[in-house]
Protein backbone atom coordinates (compact mmCIF):
# COMPACT_ATOMS: atom_id res chain seq x y z
CA MET A 1 127.54 102.89 129.93
CA ASP A 2 126.26 106.90 131.06
CA PHE A 3 128.35 109.86 131.85
CA VAL A 4 127.13 110.99 135.95
CA SER A 5 129.07 113.84 136.46
CA ILE A 6 132.17 115.16 137.49
CA ARG A 7 133.37 116.13 141.12
CA ILE A 8 135.39 118.65 142.56
CA ILE A 9 138.03 118.20 145.37
CA THR A 10 138.47 121.18 146.97
CA ASP A 11 139.31 122.48 150.57
CA ALA A 12 136.77 124.62 151.10
CA THR A 13 133.46 122.51 150.49
CA GLN A 14 130.90 125.34 151.38
CA ARG A 15 132.76 128.16 149.29
CA LEU A 16 132.94 126.15 146.48
CA VAL A 17 129.43 125.17 146.42
CA ALA A 18 127.98 128.39 147.54
CA PHE A 19 130.15 130.32 144.06
CA TYR A 20 128.24 127.24 141.65
CA GLU A 21 125.35 127.71 142.93
CA HIS A 22 125.77 131.71 142.09
CA VAL A 23 126.97 131.63 138.75
CA THR A 24 124.40 128.60 137.27
CA GLY A 25 121.61 129.41 139.53
CA VAL A 26 121.19 125.55 140.93
CA ALA A 27 120.35 124.97 144.31
CA ALA A 28 122.57 122.82 145.94
CA THR A 29 121.21 119.15 147.98
CA TRP A 30 123.86 118.50 150.85
CA TYR A 31 124.15 115.20 151.78
CA THR A 32 126.83 115.44 154.23
CA GLU A 33 128.81 118.48 155.27
CA ASP A 34 131.42 117.40 153.11
CA PHE A 35 129.40 116.24 149.60
CA ALA A 36 126.97 118.83 147.72
CA GLU A 37 125.82 117.89 143.92
CA LEU A 38 124.11 120.78 141.80
CA THR A 39 122.39 118.82 139.26
CA THR A 40 121.31 120.08 135.84
CA PRO A 41 119.21 117.75 133.24
CA SER A 42 122.20 117.25 131.15
CA CYS A 43 124.88 116.10 134.09
CA THR A 44 125.55 117.11 137.68
CA LEU A 45 128.63 118.46 139.62
CA ALA A 46 129.56 117.02 143.02
CA ILE A 47 131.47 118.94 145.34
CA ALA A 48 133.46 117.54 148.09
CA HIS A 49 136.12 117.46 150.86
CA ARG A 50 139.54 116.59 150.40
CA ARG A 51 138.26 114.04 153.64
CA THR A 52 136.51 112.71 150.81
CA MET A 53 139.10 111.19 149.10
CA GLU A 54 139.95 109.28 152.75
CA LEU A 55 137.25 106.88 151.65
CA PHE A 56 138.61 106.19 147.73
CA ALA A 57 142.46 106.48 147.69
CA ALA A 58 144.00 109.16 150.28
CA GLY A 59 146.42 111.79 148.62
CA ALA A 60 145.02 110.26 145.22
CA ALA A 61 143.22 114.24 144.32
CA HIS A 62 145.23 117.61 145.22
CA PRO A 63 142.73 120.25 145.93
CA ALA A 64 143.00 123.78 143.73
CA ASP A 65 145.75 121.72 141.39
CA ASN A 66 144.00 121.09 138.69
CA HIS A 67 146.12 122.08 135.19
CA SER A 68 144.24 120.26 132.76
CA ILE A 69 140.03 120.39 133.10
CA ILE A 70 137.76 122.56 132.05
CA VAL A 71 134.50 122.61 133.79
CA GLU A 72 131.92 123.38 131.01
CA PHE A 73 128.16 124.64 130.84
CA ARG A 74 126.15 125.86 127.65
CA VAL A 75 124.11 128.71 128.22
CA SER A 76 121.95 130.68 126.42
CA ASP A 77 123.35 134.01 125.82
CA VAL A 78 127.24 134.10 126.94
CA ASP A 79 127.26 137.42 126.75
CA ALA A 80 124.37 138.30 128.64
CA GLU A 81 125.89 135.46 131.04
CA TYR A 82 129.10 137.46 131.33
CA ARG A 83 127.09 140.88 132.28
CA ARG A 84 125.92 139.17 134.89
CA LEU A 85 128.70 137.56 136.06
CA ALA A 86 131.21 140.13 136.07
CA PRO A 87 131.38 141.22 139.50
CA VAL A 88 131.74 137.84 140.70
CA ILE A 89 133.99 135.77 138.33
CA GLY A 90 136.31 138.44 139.26
CA LYS A 91 139.61 138.13 136.82
CA VAL A 92 138.72 136.46 133.25
CA VAL A 93 140.64 134.44 131.41
CA GLN A 94 138.94 135.29 128.10
CA GLU A 95 136.39 137.59 127.39
CA PRO A 96 133.51 136.48 125.15
CA THR A 97 135.02 135.27 122.02
CA THR A 98 133.64 133.04 118.67
CA MET A 99 136.15 130.34 118.76
CA PRO A 100 136.57 128.18 115.01
CA TRP A 101 134.31 125.60 116.12
CA GLY A 102 131.41 127.84 116.59
CA ASN A 103 130.61 128.55 120.40
CA ARG A 104 131.10 131.57 122.03
CA SER A 105 132.99 131.60 124.51
CA LEU A 106 133.88 132.84 128.04
CA LEU A 107 136.50 130.80 130.31
CA PHE A 108 137.19 132.27 134.31
CA ARG A 109 138.25 130.21 137.21
CA ASP A 110 136.30 129.48 140.37
CA PRO A 111 137.49 129.88 143.73
CA ASP A 112 140.03 126.76 143.19
CA GLY A 113 141.61 128.23 140.68
CA ASN A 114 139.52 125.30 138.06
CA LEU A 115 138.75 127.04 134.25
CA VAL A 116 134.86 127.10 133.53
CA ASN A 117 133.75 128.04 130.28
CA TYR A 118 130.35 129.24 129.48
CA PHE A 119 129.32 129.18 125.93
CA THR A 120 126.69 129.37 123.56
CA PRO A 121 126.39 127.61 120.04
CA VAL A 122 126.21 130.74 117.42
CA SER A 123 127.34 129.06 114.00
CA PRO A 124 124.80 127.06 112.08
CA GLU A 125 126.96 123.98 112.90
CA ALA A 126 127.58 124.05 116.19
CA ILE A 127 123.75 124.91 116.39
CA ASN A 128 123.04 121.81 115.62
CA LYS A 129 125.54 119.59 117.35
CA PHE A 130 123.53 120.29 120.00
CA ASP A 131 119.98 119.99 118.79
CA ARG A 132 121.27 116.58 117.67
CA GLN A 133 121.88 115.90 121.11
CA ARG A 134 118.76 116.85 122.47
């Protein structure tokens, strides 16, 4: 089995895709006006309008209602990313902080309120963990 993507359901597809294009530097591939993907070497972030849920199970997902998932991106320098993104991301949930498990982490919200974590492994153990995963 391969873990392929995370999909965010939204009522503002253009806005959310533009936000993620800006913060990640990855250009989205649009498949329809309601569905786009931002593909990185390790995973894909799919963004879809609520209307796409009609094709699955109407009402099964609710836009801007996430209270349990964090979309995470490993970056080379979380402090530099914080300085770059501060004007764009608005209120920060947590400024760059070194966590007990060895990652330096920046936590903020996307325009729909979903939590986003940018992190950089900084302890020898965390660095080794991610080097093994390559």
